[in-house]
C-alpha atoms as a PDB file:
ATOM      1  CA  UNK A   1      30.349  15.713   1.131  1.00  0.00           C
ATOM      2  CA  UNK A   2      26.735  16.912   1.129  1.00  0.00           C
ATOM      3  CA  UNK A   3      24.164  14.190   0.435  1.00  0.00           C
ATOM      4  CA  UNK A   4      20.657  15.168  -0.500  1.00  0.00           C
ATOM      5  CA  UNK A   5      17.984  13.721   1.750  1.00  0.00           C
ATOM      6  CA  UNK A   6      15.561  11.583  -0.203  1.00  0.00           C
ATOM      7  CA  UNK A   7      12.163  10.131   0.684  1.00  0.00           C
ATOM      8  CA  UNK A   8      10.078   7.665  -1.288  1.00  0.00           C
ATOM      9  CA  UNK A   9       6.307   7.993  -0.888  1.00  0.00           C
ATOM     10  CA  UNK A  10       4.363   4.807  -1.635  1.00  0.00           C
ATOM     11  CA  UNK A  11       0.608   5.186  -2.120  1.00  0.00           C
ATOM     12  CA  UNK A  12      -1.978   2.442  -2.441  1.00  0.00           C
ATOM     13  CA  UNK A  13      -4.652   4.205  -4.580  1.00  0.00           C
ATOM     14  CA  UNK A  14      -7.465   2.153  -3.001  1.00  0.00           C
ATOM     15  CA  UNK A  15      -6.635   3.527   0.468  1.00  0.00           C
ATOM     16  CA  UNK A  16      -8.641   6.145   2.298  1.00  0.00           C
ATOM     17  CA  UNK A  17     -11.930   4.928   0.861  1.00  0.00           C
ATOM     18  CA  UNK A  18     -10.328   4.890  -2.613  1.00  0.00           C
ATOM     19  CA  UNK A  19      -9.506   8.607  -2.301  1.00  0.00           C
ATOM     20  CA  UNK A  20      -5.781   8.160  -1.646  1.00  0.00           C
ATOM     21  CA  UNK A  21      -4.626  10.074  -4.715  1.00  0.00           C
ATOM     22  CA  UNK A  22      -6.572  13.119  -3.487  1.00  0.00           C
ATOM     23  CA  UNK A  23      -3.981  13.320  -0.685  1.00  0.00           C
ATOM     24  CA  UNK A  24      -0.911  12.829  -2.918  1.00  0.00           C
ATOM     25  CA  UNK A  25      -0.017  16.522  -3.240  1.00  0.00           C
ATOM     26  CA  UNK A  26      -0.545  17.192   0.473  1.00  0.00           C
ATOM     27  CA  UNK A  27       1.780  14.309   1.432  1.00  0.00           C
ATOM     28  CA  UNK A  28       4.402  15.475  -1.075  1.00  0.00           C
ATOM     29  CA  UNK A  29       4.265  19.067   0.218  1.00  0.00           C
ATOM     30  CA  UNK A  30       4.676  17.830   3.791  1.00  0.00           C
ATOM     31  CA  UNK A  31       7.710  15.762   2.764  1.00  0.00           C
ATOM     32  CA  UNK A  32       9.279  18.702   0.883  1.00  0.00           C
ATOM     33  CA  UNK A  33       9.484  20.627   4.160  1.00  0.00           C
ATOM     34  CA  UNK A  34      12.228  18.200   5.250  1.00  0.00           C
ATOM     35  CA  UNK A  35      13.551  16.244   2.256  1.00  0.00           C
ATOM     36  CA  UNK A  36      15.494  17.512  -0.757  1.00  0.00           C
ATOM     37  CA  UNK A  37      14.220  14.794  -3.095  1.00  0.00           C
ATOM     38  CA  UNK A  38      10.653  13.460  -3.001  1.00  0.00           C
ATOM     39  CA  UNK A  39       9.744  10.489  -5.192  1.00  0.00           C
ATOM     40  CA  UNK A  40       6.189   9.129  -5.312  1.00  0.00           C
ATOM     41  CA  UNK A  41       5.271   5.624  -6.430  1.00  0.00           C
ATOM     42  CA  UNK A  42       1.712   4.347  -6.895  1.00  0.00           C
ATOM     43  CA  UNK A  43       0.964   0.651  -6.405  1.00  0.00           C
ATOM     44  CA  UNK A  44      -1.030  -1.220  -9.033  1.00  0.00           C
ATOM     45  CA  UNK A  45      -0.915  -4.791  -7.772  1.00  0.00           C
ATOM     46  CA  UNK A  46       0.147  -6.973  -4.850  1.00  0.00           C
ATOM     47  CA  UNK A  47       3.838  -6.801  -3.903  1.00  0.00           C
ATOM     48  CA  UNK A  48       4.414  -3.494  -5.739  1.00  0.00           C
ATOM     49  CA  UNK A  49       4.982  -1.785  -2.379  1.00  0.00           C
ATOM     50  CA  UNK A  50       7.683  -4.352  -1.523  1.00  0.00           C
ATOM     51  CA  UNK A  51       9.463  -3.768  -4.834  1.00  0.00           C
ATOM     52  CA  UNK A  52       9.331   0.015  -4.386  1.00  0.00           C
ATOM     53  CA  UNK A  53      10.627  -0.247  -0.800  1.00  0.00           C
ATOM     54  CA  UNK A  54      13.513  -2.441  -1.968  1.00  0.00           C
ATOM     55  CA  UNK A  55      14.394   0.267  -4.495  1.00  0.00           C
ATOM     56  CA  UNK A  56      14.398   2.833  -1.685  1.00  0.00           C
ATOM     57  CA  UNK A  57      16.874   0.645   0.235  1.00  0.00           C
ATOM     58  CA  UNK A  58      19.208   0.372  -2.787  1.00  0.00           C
ATOM     59  CA  UNK A  59      19.021   4.127  -3.346  1.00  0.00           C
ATOM     60  CA  UNK A  60      19.812   4.747   0.344  1.00  0.00           C
ATOM     61  CA  UNK A  61      16.680   6.866   0.744  1.00  0.00           C
ATOM     62  CA  UNK A  62      16.504   8.304   4.230  1.00  0.00           C
ATOM     63  CA  UNK A  63      12.845   7.363   4.547  1.00  0.00           C
ATOM     64  CA  UNK A  64       9.848   5.605   3.068  1.00  0.00           C
ATOM     65  CA  UNK A  65       6.387   7.057   3.715  1.00  0.00           C
ATOM     66  CA  UNK A  66       3.511   4.677   3.033  1.00  0.00           C
ATOM     67  CA  UNK A  67      -0.159   5.553   2.690  1.00  0.00           C
ATOM     68  CA  UNK A  68      -2.223   2.374   2.972  1.00  0.00           C
ATOM     69  CA  UNK A  69      -3.697  -0.274   5.230  1.00  0.00           C
ATOM     70  CA  UNK A  70      -1.840  -2.894   7.252  1.00  0.00           C
ATOM     71  CA  UNK A  71      -1.351  -5.103   4.188  1.00  0.00           C
ATOM     72  CA  UNK A  72       0.432  -2.342   2.275  1.00  0.00           C
ATOM     73  CA  UNK A  73       2.450  -1.364   5.350  1.00  0.00           C
ATOM     74  CA  UNK A  74       3.625  -4.950   5.769  1.00  0.00           C
ATOM     75  CA  UNK A  75       4.582  -5.110   2.088  1.00  0.00           C
ATOM     76  CA  UNK A  76       6.811  -2.076   2.701  1.00  0.00           C
ATOM     77  CA  UNK A  77       8.244  -3.654   5.851  1.00  0.00           C
ATOM     78  CA  UNK A  78       9.017  -6.767   3.770  1.00  0.00           C
ATOM     79  CA  UNK A  79      11.057  -4.582   1.432  1.00  0.00           C
ATOM     80  CA  UNK A  80      13.184  -2.953   4.138  1.00  0.00           C
ATOM     81  CA  UNK A  81      13.454  -5.556   6.936  1.00  0.00           C
ATOM     82  CA  UNK A  82      16.662  -7.515   7.525  1.00  0.00           C
ATOM     83  CA  UNK A  83      18.631  -5.250   5.169  1.00  0.00           C
ATOM     84  CA  UNK A  84      22.040  -3.797   5.980  1.00  0.00           C
ATOM     85  CA  UNK A  85      20.549  -0.354   5.441  1.00  0.00           C
ATOM     86  CA  UNK A  86      16.980   0.262   6.682  1.00  0.00           C
ATOM     87  CA  UNK A  87      15.231   3.562   5.839  1.00  0.00           C
ATOM     88  CA  UNK A  88      13.048   5.210   8.442  1.00  0.00           C
ATOM     89  CA  UNK A  89       9.329   4.555   8.016  1.00  0.00           C
ATOM     90  CA  UNK A  90       6.398   6.957   7.944  1.00  0.00           C
ATOM     91  CA  UNK A  91       2.845   5.573   7.998  1.00  0.00           C
ATOM     92  CA  UNK A  92      -0.410   7.288   7.055  1.00  0.00           C
ATOM     93  CA  UNK A  93      -3.392   5.065   7.902  1.00  0.00           C
ATOM     94  CA  UNK A  94      -5.573   4.302   4.883  1.00  0.00           C
ATOM     95  CA  UNK A  95      -7.068   0.889   5.602  1.00  0.00           C
ATOM     96  CA  UNK A  96      -9.980  -0.493   7.584  1.00  0.00           C
ATOM     97  CA  UNK A  97      -8.183  -1.757  10.688  1.00  0.00           C
ATOM     98  CA  UNK A  98      -4.910   0.224  10.694  1.00  0.00           C
ATOM     99  CA  UNK A  99      -3.653  -1.872  13.606  1.00  0.00           C
ATOM    100  CA  UNK A 100      -0.034  -0.750  13.404  1.00  0.00           C
ATOM    101  CA  UNK A 101      -0.830   2.970  13.391  1.00  0.00           C
ATOM    102  CA  UNK A 102      -3.234   2.550  16.325  1.00  0.00           C
ATOM    103  CA  UNK A 103      -0.452   0.802  18.230  1.00  0.00           C
ATOM    104  CA  UNK A 104       1.833   3.761  17.489  1.00  0.00           C
ATOM    105  CA  UNK A 105      -0.902   6.259  18.474  1.00  0.00           C
ATOM    106  CA  UNK A 106      -0.892   7.815  15.002  1.00  0.00           C
ATOM    107  CA  UNK A 107      -4.074   9.787  14.298  1.00  0.00           C
ATOM    108  CA  UNK A 108      -6.689   7.831  12.315  1.00  0.00           C
ATOM    109  CA  UNK A 109      -7.758  11.062  10.615  1.00  0.00           C
ATOM    110  CA  UNK A 110      -5.822  11.162   7.340  1.00  0.00           C
ATOM    111  CA  UNK A 111      -5.360  14.941   7.208  1.00  0.00           C
ATOM    112  CA  UNK A 112      -4.255  15.057  10.838  1.00  0.00           C
ATOM    113  CA  UNK A 113      -1.875  12.105  10.358  1.00  0.00           C
ATOM    114  CA  UNK A 114      -0.197  13.952   7.479  1.00  0.00           C
ATOM    115  CA  UNK A 115       0.033  17.205   9.442  1.00  0.00           C
ATOM    116  CA  UNK A 116       1.498  15.420  12.485  1.00  0.00           C
ATOM    117  CA  UNK A 117       4.230  13.580  10.550  1.00  0.00           C
ATOM    118  CA  UNK A 118       7.341  14.545  12.511  1.00  0.00           C
ATOM    119  CA  UNK A 119      10.498  13.769  10.549  1.00  0.00           C
ATOM    120  CA  UNK A 120      12.662  14.666  13.553  1.00  0.00           C
ATOM    121  CA  UNK A 121      11.189  12.075  15.914  1.00  0.00           C
ATOM    122  CA  UNK A 122      11.128   8.274  15.628  1.00  0.00           C
ATOM    123  CA  UNK A 123      10.004   5.301  17.678  1.00  0.00           C
ATOM    124  CA  UNK A 124      11.768   1.952  17.183  1.00  0.00           C
ATOM    125  CA  UNK A 125       9.337  -0.957  16.820  1.00  0.00           C
ATOM    126  CA  UNK A 126       9.650  -4.734  16.892  1.00  0.00           C
ATOM    127  CA  UNK A 127       8.934  -6.701  13.722  1.00  0.00           C
ATOM    128  CA  UNK A 128       7.770 -10.308  13.499  1.00  0.00           C
ATOM    129  CA  UNK A 129       8.439 -12.724  10.656  1.00  0.00           C
ATOM    130  CA  UNK A 130       6.127 -15.730  10.223  1.00  0.00           C
ATOM    131  CA  UNK A 131       7.795 -17.959   7.635  1.00  0.00           C
ATOM    132  CA  UNK A 132       8.337 -15.322   4.918  1.00  0.00           C
ATOM    133  CA  UNK A 133       5.600 -12.905   6.018  1.00  0.00           C
ATOM    134  CA  UNK A 134       6.499  -9.871   8.112  1.00  0.00           C
ATOM    135  CA  UNK A 135       4.086  -8.287  10.580  1.00  0.00           C
ATOM    136  CA  UNK A 136       4.145  -5.284  12.867  1.00  0.00           C
ATOM    137  CA  UNK A 137       1.462  -6.100  15.397  1.00  0.00           C
ATOM    138  CA  UNK A 138      -0.225  -9.516  15.574  1.00  0.00           C
ATOM    139  CA  UNK A 139      -0.078 -13.093  14.309  1.00  0.00           C
ATOM    140  CA  UNK A 140      -3.103 -15.269  15.031  1.00  0.00           C
ATOM    141  CA  UNK A 141      -4.643 -18.695  14.542  1.00  0.00           C
ATOM    142  CA  UNK A 142      -8.301 -19.530  15.146  1.00  0.00           C
ATOM    143  CA  UNK A 143     -11.651 -17.979  14.398  1.00  0.00           C
ATOM    144  CA  UNK A 144     -10.266 -14.440  14.422  1.00  0.00           C
ATOM    145  CA  UNK A 145      -8.375 -14.736  11.114  1.00  0.00           C
ATOM    146  CA  UNK A 146     -11.163 -16.801   9.571  1.00  0.00           C
ATOM    147  CA  UNK A 147     -13.738 -14.183  10.599  1.00  0.00           C
ATOM    148  CA  UNK A 148     -11.636 -11.401   9.130  1.00  0.00           C
ATOM    149  CA  UNK A 149     -11.067 -13.161   5.818  1.00  0.00           C
ATOM    150  CA  UNK A 150     -14.750 -14.037   5.418  1.00  0.00           C
ATOM    151  CA  UNK A 151     -15.952 -10.413   5.546  1.00  0.00           C
ATOM    152  CA  UNK A 152     -17.620  -9.522   2.250  1.00  0.00           C
ATOM    153  CA  UNK A 153     -16.118  -6.601   0.298  1.00  0.00           C
ATOM    154  CA  UNK A 154     -19.522  -4.854   0.244  1.00  0.00           C
ATOM    155  CA  UNK A 155     -19.859  -5.115   4.033  1.00  0.00           C
ATOM    156  CA  UNK A 156     -16.294  -3.911   4.529  1.00  0.00           C
ATOM    157  CA  UNK A 157     -16.970  -0.836   2.393  1.00  0.00           C
ATOM    158  CA  UNK A 158     -20.371  -0.154   3.978  1.00  0.00           C
ATOM    159  CA  UNK A 159     -19.680  -0.885   7.639  1.00  0.00           C
ATOM    160  CA  UNK A 160     -15.888  -0.591   7.944  1.00  0.00           C
ATOM    161  CA  UNK A 161     -14.394  -2.095  11.118  1.00  0.00           C
ATOM    162  CA  UNK A 162     -17.913  -2.926  12.405  1.00  0.00           C
ATOM    163  CA  UNK A 163     -18.152  -5.629   9.724  1.00  0.00           C
ATOM    164  CA  UNK A 164     -15.112  -7.327  11.255  1.00  0.00           C
ATOM    165  CA  UNK A 165     -16.557  -7.061  14.753  1.00  0.00           C
ATOM    166  CA  UNK A 166     -19.883  -8.614  13.728  1.00  0.00           C
ATOM    167  CA  UNK A 167     -18.212 -11.474  11.883  1.00  0.00           C
ATOM    168  CA  UNK A 168     -15.798 -12.070  14.754  1.00  0.00           C
ATOM    169  CA  UNK A 169     -18.612 -12.350  17.297  1.00  0.00           C
ATOM    170  CA  UNK A 170     -20.502 -14.821  15.081  1.00  0.00           C
ATOM    171  CA  UNK A 171     -17.364 -16.892  14.611  1.00  0.00           C
ATOM    172  CA  UNK A 172     -16.230 -16.876  18.249  1.00  0.00           C
ATOM    173  CA  UNK A 173     -19.634 -18.094  19.452  1.00  0.00           C
ATOM    174  CA  UNK A 174     -19.303 -21.261  17.365  1.00  0.00           C
ATOM    175  CA  UNK A 175     -15.585 -21.659  17.986  1.00  0.00           C
ATOM    176  CA  UNK A 176     -14.115 -25.149  18.040  1.00  0.00           C
ATOM    177  CA  UNK A 177     -10.941 -26.345  19.704  1.00  0.00           C
ATOM    178  CA  UNK A 178      -8.002 -27.760  17.755  1.00  0.00           C
ATOM    179  CA  UNK A 179      -4.802 -29.503  18.769  1.00  0.00           C
ATOM    180  CA  UNK A 180      -1.925 -27.049  18.781  1.00  0.00           C
ATOM    181  CA  UNK A 181       1.804 -27.324  19.391  1.00  0.00           C
ATOM    182  CA  UNK A 182       3.687 -24.174  20.404  1.00  0.00           C
ATOM    183  CA  UNK A 183       7.442 -24.533  20.904  1.00  0.00           C
ATOM    184  CA  UNK A 184       9.637 -21.665  22.127  1.00  0.00           C
ATOM    185  CA  UNK A 185      12.937 -21.045  23.906  1.00  0.00           C
ATOM    186  CA  UNK A 186      10.938 -20.174  27.044  1.00  0.00           C
ATOM    187  CA  UNK A 187       8.522 -23.086  27.222  1.00  0.00           C
ATOM    188  CA  UNK A 188       6.137 -25.178  25.149  1.00  0.00           C
ATOM    189  CA  UNK A 189       2.413 -25.871  24.947  1.00  0.00           C
ATOM    190  CA  UNK A 190       0.864 -29.018  23.519  1.00  0.00           C
ATOM    191  CA  UNK A 191      -2.885 -29.403  23.778  1.00  0.00           C
ATOM    192  CA  UNK A 192      -6.274 -28.049  22.797  1.00  0.00           C
ATOM    193  CA  UNK A 193      -6.800 -24.401  21.910  1.00  0.00           C
ATOM    194  CA  UNK A 194      -9.420 -22.252  20.209  1.00  0.00           C
ATOM    195  CA  UNK A 195      -7.269 -19.156  19.666  1.00  0.00           C
ATOM    196  CA  UNK A 196      -3.552 -18.445  19.482  1.00  0.00           C
ATOM    197  CA  UNK A 197      -2.391 -14.817  19.466  1.00  0.00           C
ATOM    198  CA  UNK A 198       1.215 -13.674  19.071  1.00  0.00           C
ATOM    199  CA  UNK A 199       1.329  -9.982  19.995  1.00  0.00           C
ATOM    200  CA  UNK A 200       4.281  -7.649  19.504  1.00  0.00           C
ATOM    201  CA  UNK A 201       2.741  -5.298  22.043  1.00  0.00           C
ATOM    202  CA  UNK A 202       1.187  -5.464  25.487  1.00  0.00           C
ATOM    203  CA  UNK A 203      -2.000  -4.086  23.919  1.00  0.00           C
ATOM    204  CA  UNK A 204      -4.746  -5.944  22.047  1.00  0.00           C
ATOM    205  CA  UNK A 205      -6.926  -3.461  20.167  1.00  0.00           C
ATOM    206  CA  UNK A 206      -7.099  -0.550  22.642  1.00  0.00           C
ATOM    207  CA  UNK A 207      -6.874  -2.671  25.792  1.00  0.00           C
ATOM    208  CA  UNK A 208      -3.656  -3.046  27.768  1.00  0.00           C
ATOM    209  CA  UNK A 209      -3.335  -6.777  28.447  1.00  0.00           C
ATOM    210  CA  UNK A 210      -0.253  -6.869  30.655  1.00  0.00           C
ATOM    211  CA  UNK A 211       2.165  -4.396  32.196  1.00  0.00           C
ATOM    212  CA  UNK A 212       5.448  -5.727  30.903  1.00  0.00           C
ATOM    213  CA  UNK A 213       6.428  -5.298  27.266  1.00  0.00           C
ATOM    214  CA  UNK A 214      10.009  -6.478  26.848  1.00  0.00           C
ATOM    215  CA  UNK A 215      11.447  -5.274  23.543  1.00  0.00           C
ATOM    216  CA  UNK A 216      12.340  -8.071  21.173  1.00  0.00           C
ATOM    217  CA  UNK A 217       9.874 -10.560  22.641  1.00  0.00           C
ATOM    218  CA  UNK A 218       6.370 -11.531  21.552  1.00  0.00           C
ATOM    219  CA  UNK A 219       3.500 -12.100  23.964  1.00  0.00           C
ATOM    220  CA  UNK A 220       1.872 -15.457  23.154  1.00  0.00           C
ATOM    221  CA  UNK A 221      -1.693 -15.964  24.393  1.00  0.00           C
ATOM    222  CA  UNK A 222      -3.308 -19.388  23.980  1.00  0.00           C
ATOM    223  CA  UNK A 223      -7.028 -19.712  24.778  1.00  0.00           C
ATOM    224  CA  UNK A 224      -7.170 -23.334  25.884  1.00  0.00           C
ATOM    225  CA  UNK A 225     -10.939 -23.877  26.043  1.00  0.00           C
ATOM    226  CA  UNK A 226     -13.461 -23.324  23.235  1.00  0.00           C
ATOM    227  CA  UNK A 227     -16.513 -23.138  25.483  1.00  0.00           C
ATOM    228  CA  UNK A 228     -18.550 -19.946  25.596  1.00  0.00           C
ATOM    229  CA  UNK A 229     -18.164 -19.959  29.402  1.00  0.00           C
ATOM    230  CA  UNK A 230     -14.397 -19.719  29.039  1.00  0.00           C
ATOM    231  CA  UNK A 231     -14.753 -16.798  26.660  1.00  0.00           C
ATOM    232  CA  UNK A 232     -17.171 -15.037  28.977  1.00  0.00           C
ATOM    233  CA  UNK A 233     -14.759 -15.558  31.874  1.00  0.00           C
ATOM    234  CA  UNK A 234     -12.156 -13.576  29.956  1.00  0.00           C
ATOM    235  CA  UNK A 235     -14.238 -10.401  29.832  1.00  0.00           C
ATOM    236  CA  UNK A 236     -13.503  -9.201  33.418  1.00  0.00           C
ATOM    237  CA  UNK A 237      -9.801  -9.940  32.928  1.00  0.00           C
ATOM    238  CA  UNK A 238      -9.706  -8.011  29.649  1.00  0.00           C
ATOM    239  CA  UNK A 239     -11.432  -5.046  31.267  1.00  0.00           C
ATOM    240  CA  UNK A 240      -8.924  -5.094  34.140  1.00  0.00           C
ATOM    241  CA  UNK A 241      -5.972  -5.673  31.830  1.00  0.00           C
ATOM    242  CA  UNK A 242      -4.735  -8.875  33.501  1.00  0.00           C
ATOM    243  CA  UNK A 243      -5.804 -11.495  30.986  1.00  0.00           C
ATOM    244  CA  UNK A 244      -2.726 -13.627  31.696  1.00  0.00           C
ATOM    245  CA  UNK A 245      -4.153 -14.373  35.151  1.00  0.00           C
ATOM    246  CA  UNK A 246      -7.120 -16.218  33.620  1.00  0.00           C
ATOM    247  CA  UNK A 247      -6.825 -20.001  34.095  1.00  0.00           C
ATOM    248  CA  UNK A 248      -8.043 -20.592  30.525  1.00  0.00           C
ATOM    249  CA  UNK A 249      -5.098 -18.660  29.107  1.00  0.00           C
ATOM    250  CA  UNK A 250      -1.602 -20.077  28.577  1.00  0.00           C
ATOM    251  CA  UNK A 251       0.926 -17.236  28.403  1.00  0.00           C
ATOM    252  CA  UNK A 252       4.477 -17.450  27.043  1.00  0.00           C
ATOM    253  CA  UNK A 253       6.946 -14.677  26.206  1.00  0.00           C
ATOM    254  CA  UNK A 254       9.438 -15.624  23.495  1.00  0.00           C
ATOM    255  CA  UNK A 255      11.297 -14.485  20.388  1.00  0.00           C
ATOM    256  CA  UNK A 256      11.675 -17.785  18.510  1.00  0.00           C
ATOM    257  CA  UNK A 257       8.377 -19.622  18.082  1.00  0.00           C
ATOM    258  CA  UNK A 258       7.192 -22.654  16.136  1.00  0.00           C
ATOM    259  CA  UNK A 259       3.439 -23.249  15.861  1.00  0.00           C
ATOM    260  CA  UNK A 260       2.047 -26.439  14.335  1.00  0.00           C
ATOM    261  CA  UNK A 261      -1.164 -28.459  14.456  1.00  0.00           C
ATOM    262  CA  UNK A 262      -2.477 -31.938  13.792  1.00  0.00           C
ATOM    263  CA  UNK A 263      -5.083 -30.462  11.431  1.00  0.00           C
ATOM    264  CA  UNK A 264      -5.098 -27.943   8.555  1.00  0.00           C
ATOM    265  CA  UNK A 265      -5.260 -24.453  10.014  1.00  0.00           C
ATOM    266  CA  UNK A 266      -4.746 -21.075   8.386  1.00  0.00           C
ATOM    267  CA  UNK A 267      -3.019 -18.162  10.059  1.00  0.00           C
ATOM    268  CA  UNK A 268      -3.239 -14.397   9.886  1.00  0.00           C
ATOM    269  CA  UNK A 269      -0.760 -11.520  10.081  1.00  0.00           C
ATOM    270  CA  UNK A 270      -2.126  -8.049  10.865  1.00  0.00           C
ATOM    271  CA  UNK A 271      -5.528  -8.847   9.355  1.00  0.00           C
ATOM    272  CA  UNK A 272      -4.288 -10.534   6.173  1.00  0.00           C
ATOM    273  CA  UNK A 273      -4.365 -14.255   5.440  1.00  0.00           C
ATOM    274  CA  UNK A 274      -0.990 -15.936   5.758  1.00  0.00           C
ATOM    275  CA  UNK A 275       0.372 -19.491   5.576  1.00  0.00           C
ATOM    276  CA  UNK A 276      -1.303 -22.634   6.840  1.00  0.00           C
ATOM    277  CA  UNK A 277       0.472 -24.163   9.835  1.00  0.00           C
ATOM    278  CA  UNK A 278       3.236 -25.043  10.567  1.00  0.00           C
ATOM    279  CA  UNK A 279       4.738 -21.578  10.958  1.00  0.00           C
ATOM    280  CA  UNK A 280       8.127 -20.516  12.285  1.00  0.00           C
ATOM    281  CA  UNK A 281       8.101 -17.050  13.876  1.00  0.00           C
ATOM    282  CA  UNK A 282      11.125 -14.897  14.625  1.00  0.00           C
ATOM    283  CA  UNK A 283      10.994 -11.544  16.438  1.00  0.00           C
ATOM    284  CA  UNK A 284      13.380  -8.695  15.544  1.00  0.00           C
ATOM    285  CA  UNK A 285      13.631  -6.222  18.424  1.00  0.00           C
ATOM    286  CA  UNK A 286      13.661  -2.453  17.755  1.00  0.00           C
ATOM    287  CA  UNK A 287      14.120  -3.260  14.087  1.00  0.00           C
ATOM    288  CA  UNK A 288      12.416  -0.369  12.254  1.00  0.00           C
ATOM    289  CA  UNK A 289      12.359   3.316  13.216  1.00  0.00           C
ATOM    290  CA  UNK A 290       8.909   4.796  12.609  1.00  0.00           C
ATOM    291  CA  UNK A 291       8.181   8.517  12.557  1.00  0.00           C
ATOM    292  CA  UNK A 292       5.920   9.425  15.447  1.00  0.00           C
ATOM    293  CA  UNK A 293       4.880  12.491  17.387  1.00  0.00           C
ATOM    294  CA  UNK A 294       6.921  13.109  20.569  1.00  0.00           C
ATOM    295  CA  UNK A 295       5.307  11.679  23.700  1.00  0.00           C
ATOM    296  CA  UNK A 296       4.079  14.412  26.013  1.00  0.00           C
END
C-alpha cells in the first residue's frame, strides 16, 4: 500500500533576525521536491514547537523541519524524543548561537542551509535529557549560563554572538568556586568547581577538545579552580585540543549523571536557562536522525 510522504515544517517567526516568514515559501518548495504532503506550522508562544512536533509523531510524518534557534530546536526534540516512532529532523539555523547546527556542520547562511537540505542523507545524533529538558549539544553550570542569560535583548540584536562573548569574558574573570557533586556510573567528583560542562560532542565551539567521541556517552569537564591563573593555563590546552590533560580539569565520560550542589545554582541547556541543581542527566545514543550533507 502506497503511503504519502509527509513533512511538517515548524517556523519560529522571530528567527533569522525576525525575517523567518520571508523564507517560508523557499523552505516549502524545497520540501515539495521530496515530500508528497507539506504542512507548515508557525509558533506563537513557548512550547508550541513541542506540541506541533508531537502532532507530527502521531501523524507518522516522515520528517520535521525546524527553522529556529537552539531553543526552538530543543522544543522540537522534546516533542519527538523517547517516542516509539521518531520522525527524521531537518534544522535550518535561525538563532544567535545555533550550537547544534554548527556541531552538525550545517551552513549558517540561511539560504545555503535550505539549498543544502539533503532528504536522502542523515546523521544520527546523541540527545541528552536533564530532568525534563532535552538538549542536543551542551549542559553547563557556572558563569557560562549566567553570562548567557544576562545578555540584554538590545545587545543580542545589535551585536549577535559577540554580546555573549563579551558577557562571558566579564563573568569568567570574576568567577567564584562552588561545591559540586557529580555522580556517574564511571566515577564521581566531590569538591570545588567554577564550571561544569557536559558535552555530547568532542568539540566545544569550533575547537576539538579530545580525540575520542564514544556514541551514547557525554564528556564531562569540571574546572576545579576558579583562579584566573587556572583559566589562563587552559588556553594552550584548548589550542592544542588536549584540555583533559590539564591538571585543573576533572574529566569523566558517562551516560547517567547526577549533578548537585550545596548552594543554589542554575543550569543551562544549549544556551537556554534550565533547572536549578540538582539535575539528573541521561544520554540517549544515536537517538535522532538529522538531515545532513554527505561527508566528502
